[in-house]
Protein backbone atom coordinates (compact mmCIF):
# COMPACT_ATOMS: atom_id res chain seq x y z
CA MET A 1 0.00 -0.03 -0.06
CA GLN A 2 2.70 2.42 0.92
CA LYS A 3 4.59 1.68 -2.36
CA ARG A 4 1.31 2.50 -4.40
CA GLN A 5 0.90 5.80 -2.23
CA LYS A 6 4.62 6.86 -2.90
CA THR A 7 4.16 6.32 -6.80
CA TRP A 8 1.05 8.24 -6.62
CA ASN A 9 2.64 11.13 -4.79
CA LYS A 10 5.55 11.11 -7.39
CA LEU A 11 3.24 11.27 -10.12
CA MET A 12 1.10 13.90 -8.75
CA ALA A 13 4.44 16.06 -7.99
CA ASN A 14 5.48 15.62 -11.65
CA MET A 15 2.16 16.54 -12.99
CA GLY A 16 2.19 19.82 -10.89
CA GLN A 17 5.57 20.62 -11.92
CA GLN A 18 4.52 20.35 -15.50
CA ARG A 19 1.54 22.26 -15.05
CA ALA A 20 3.56 25.05 -13.46
CA GLY A 21 6.28 24.97 -16.13
CA ALA A 22 3.73 25.18 -18.86
CA ARG A 23 2.01 28.25 -17.07
CA ASP A 24 5.59 29.93 -16.44
CA ALA A 25 6.21 29.42 -20.20
CA ARG A 26 2.91 31.08 -21.40
CA LYS A 27 3.61 34.07 -19.06
CA ASN A 28 7.29 34.48 -20.15
CA ASN A 29 6.75 33.74 -23.95
CA LYS A 30 4.81 36.73 -25.14
CA ALA A 31 3.65 35.72 -28.82
CA SER A 32 4.22 38.18 -31.40
CA ALA A 33 1.44 39.19 -33.77
CA PRO A 34 1.80 37.57 -37.31
CA GLN A 35 2.96 39.17 -40.35
CA GLN A 36 0.08 37.98 -42.42
CA ILE A 37 -3.35 36.49 -41.55
CA ILE A 38 -5.59 34.21 -43.55
CA VAL A 39 -9.07 35.74 -44.30
CA GLN A 40 -12.01 34.04 -46.29
CA ARG A 41 -15.23 36.13 -46.93
CA LEU A 42 -18.53 34.19 -46.16
CA SER A 43 -22.10 34.66 -47.51
CA SER A 44 -24.05 37.11 -45.58
CA GLU A 45 -26.86 34.86 -45.19
CA ALA A 46 -27.12 31.29 -44.04
CA ASP A 47 -28.50 28.38 -46.06
CA ALA A 48 -31.36 25.95 -44.69
CA LYS A 49 -28.66 24.30 -42.39
CA GLN A 50 -27.41 27.49 -40.89
CA VAL A 51 -24.11 27.30 -42.61
CA TYR A 52 -22.26 30.47 -44.09
CA LYS A 53 -20.85 29.17 -47.39
CA PRO A 54 -17.64 30.70 -48.61
CA THR A 55 -17.96 33.25 -51.25
CA GLU A 56 -14.27 33.58 -52.30
CA PRO A 57 -11.03 31.73 -51.72
CA ARG A 58 -8.79 32.28 -48.68
CA LYS A 59 -6.43 35.20 -49.10
CA PHE A 60 -3.30 36.39 -47.26
CA VAL A 61 -3.74 39.74 -45.53
CA GLU A 62 -1.16 41.96 -44.36
CA PHE A 63 -1.38 42.32 -40.51
CA GLY A 64 0.90 45.48 -39.70
CA PHE A 65 -0.07 45.73 -35.95
CA ASP A 66 1.97 44.82 -32.90
CA ASP A 67 -1.01 43.43 -30.83
CA PHE A 68 -3.08 40.61 -31.86
CA THR A 69 -6.54 41.81 -30.85
CA LEU A 70 -9.97 41.86 -32.38
CA ALA A 71 -9.82 45.48 -33.17
CA ASN A 72 -6.83 45.22 -35.07
CA LEU A 73 -8.07 42.20 -37.04
CA ARG A 74 -11.17 44.28 -37.82
CA GLU A 75 -8.81 47.28 -39.19
CA ALA A 76 -6.62 44.92 -41.16
CA CYS A 77 -9.60 43.41 -42.98
CA SER A 78 -11.36 46.61 -43.57
CA TYR A 79 -8.17 47.99 -44.95
CA HIS A 80 -7.59 45.02 -47.34
CA TYR A 81 -11.15 44.91 -48.66
CA ASN A 82 -11.63 48.64 -48.52
């Protein structure tokens, strides 16, 4: 019984260290914004199955902002599509 408990405690300690390491890596690794984003225009109205069909092929759009936020995504798309 003690051997099983020691193994279990060791496993839980390892899992805790992995979680803490991943959390620290996310905090320290600030992801930079991409240079380009992929955009695909969709139909303005859904069909009978509530699915928006693509109207154009996917395009690469230049993303010239430092922060990857929704407002910056909208700005890049509106600049690209006028």
